[in-house]
Amino acid sequence: MSTETPSCCPPATPRPAVPSDEDAANERLACLAKALGHPVRVAILRRLAREEGCIVGDLVDELPLAQSTISQHLKQLKEAGLIRGEVDGPRTCYCVEPGVVALFKALVEGL
């Protein structure tokens, strides 16, 4: 993943700290794992990482799902903090939140 961000994406947020409390770390890992618990959400995250951002229409063109279904998956990824999005006129641009993906990796490595 490059450090350049498409102009339609909001700036990345700093990487959250790995919780020092094991219960909090378990809770955060479970939340992130749940958000990635569907193959379509994993595919969306991979696509966003590969392309460094895209609009919903790009995903609708690529995935064999209705726009409303893709939007629901995007909502779950965004609520977990794995992606960020910004309304840009009539479209919404989504990008990976690299700090949270790094946090997820760190939490998995801590198992």
Protein backbone atom coordinates (compact mmCIF):
# COMPACT_ATOMS: atom_id res chain seq x y z
CA MET A 1 0.00 0.00 0.00
CA SER A 2 1.41 3.37 -1.02
CA THR A 3 1.50 6.35 1.32
CA GLU A 4 -0.32 8.49 -1.24
CA THR A 5 -4.05 8.81 -0.66
CA PRO A 6 -6.56 9.52 -3.41
CA SER A 7 -7.86 13.07 -3.23
CA CYS A 8 -11.38 11.83 -2.54
CA CYS A 9 -10.38 10.05 0.69
CA PRO A 10 -10.15 11.78 4.04
CA PRO A 11 -6.76 11.72 5.77
CA ALA A 12 -5.79 8.57 7.62
CA THR A 13 -6.02 8.57 11.39
CA PRO A 14 -3.07 7.58 13.58
CA ARG A 15 -2.74 3.91 14.47
CA PRO A 16 -4.61 3.14 17.68
CA ALA A 17 -2.50 1.70 20.48
CA VAL A 18 -2.71 -2.00 21.17
CA PRO A 19 -4.71 -2.30 24.38
CA SER A 20 -2.46 -3.27 27.28
CA ASP A 21 -5.33 -4.97 29.10
CA GLU A 22 -5.85 -8.48 27.73
CA ASP A 23 -9.64 -8.29 28.02
CA ALA A 24 -9.70 -5.02 26.05
CA ALA A 25 -7.34 -6.50 23.44
CA ASN A 26 -9.58 -9.55 23.12
CA GLU A 27 -12.64 -7.35 22.71
CA ARG A 28 -10.99 -5.20 20.03
CA LEU A 29 -9.69 -8.24 18.15
CA ALA A 30 -13.12 -9.88 18.25
CA CYS A 31 -14.76 -6.71 16.91
CA LEU A 32 -12.32 -6.45 14.01
CA ALA A 33 -12.51 -10.18 13.28
CA LYS A 34 -16.31 -10.01 13.24
CA ALA A 35 -16.16 -7.18 10.70
CA LEU A 36 -13.93 -9.37 8.53
CA GLY A 37 -16.05 -12.45 9.14
CA HIS A 38 -17.68 -12.38 5.70
CA PRO A 39 -15.83 -13.16 2.46
CA VAL A 40 -17.37 -10.13 0.72
CA ARG A 41 -16.03 -7.77 3.39
CA VAL A 42 -12.58 -9.33 3.04
CA ALA A 43 -12.83 -8.90 -0.75
CA ILE A 44 -13.85 -5.26 -0.31
CA LEU A 45 -10.96 -4.58 2.06
CA ARG A 46 -8.50 -6.24 -0.34
CA ARG A 47 -9.88 -4.20 -3.25
CA LEU A 48 -9.62 -0.95 -1.30
CA ALA A 49 -6.04 -1.78 -0.26
CA ARG A 50 -5.06 -2.70 -3.81
CA GLU A 51 -6.62 0.36 -5.42
CA GLU A 52 -5.98 2.72 -2.51
CA GLY A 53 -9.59 3.80 -2.51
CA CYS A 54 -12.65 3.69 -4.69
CA ILE A 55 -16.23 4.78 -4.93
CA VAL A 56 -19.18 2.49 -4.25
CA GLY A 57 -20.01 2.28 -7.95
CA ASP A 58 -16.61 0.69 -8.63
CA LEU A 59 -17.38 -2.06 -6.13
CA VAL A 60 -20.87 -2.59 -7.55
CA ASP A 61 -19.33 -3.05 -11.00
CA GLU A 62 -16.79 -5.55 -9.68
CA LEU A 63 -18.79 -7.62 -7.19
CA PRO A 64 -21.87 -9.68 -8.09
CA LEU A 65 -24.04 -8.01 -5.45
CA ALA A 66 -26.66 -5.30 -5.27
CA GLN A 67 -25.53 -1.79 -4.37
CA SER A 68 -27.54 -1.94 -1.13
CA THR A 69 -25.76 -5.15 -0.07
CA ILE A 70 -22.34 -3.67 -0.79
CA SER A 71 -23.30 -0.54 1.12
CA GLN A 72 -24.26 -2.65 4.13
CA HIS A 73 -20.89 -4.43 4.05
CA LEU A 74 -19.12 -1.06 3.75
CA LYS A 75 -21.09 0.21 6.74
CA GLN A 76 -19.90 -2.72 8.87
CA LEU A 77 -16.28 -2.22 7.84
CA LYS A 78 -16.53 1.49 8.56
CA GLU A 79 -18.15 0.96 11.98
CA ALA A 80 -15.26 -1.35 12.90
CA GLY A 81 -12.83 1.37 11.81
CA LEU A 82 -11.19 -0.70 9.07
CA ILE A 83 -12.15 1.77 6.35
CA ARG A 84 -12.95 5.46 6.14
CA GLY A 85 -15.23 7.18 3.69
CA GLU A 86 -16.10 10.62 2.56
CA VAL A 87 -19.04 11.93 0.58
CA ASP A 88 -17.72 13.66 -2.52
CA GLY A 89 -20.74 15.19 -4.23
CA PRO A 90 -23.01 12.41 -5.47
CA ARG A 91 -20.51 9.67 -4.63
CA THR A 92 -18.81 8.26 -1.55
CA CYS A 93 -15.13 7.39 -1.70
CA TYR A 94 -13.85 4.64 0.61
CA CYS A 95 -10.26 3.91 1.64
CA VAL A 96 -8.53 1.48 3.97
CA GLU A 97 -7.73 2.87 7.41
CA PRO A 98 -4.10 1.68 7.57
CA GLY A 99 -3.64 2.26 11.30
CA VAL A 100 -6.55 0.02 12.21
CA VAL A 101 -5.40 -2.68 9.78
CA ALA A 102 -1.96 -2.50 11.45
CA LEU A 103 -3.67 -2.77 14.85
CA PHE A 104 -5.56 -5.86 13.66
CA LYS A 105 -2.28 -7.43 12.52
CA ALA A 106 -0.64 -6.64 15.87
CA LEU A 107 -3.56 -8.12 17.80
CA VAL A 108 -3.45 -11.33 15.73
CA GLU A 109 0.32 -11.58 16.21
CA GLY A 110 -0.28 -11.32 19.97
CA LEU A 111 -2.30 -14.54 20.03
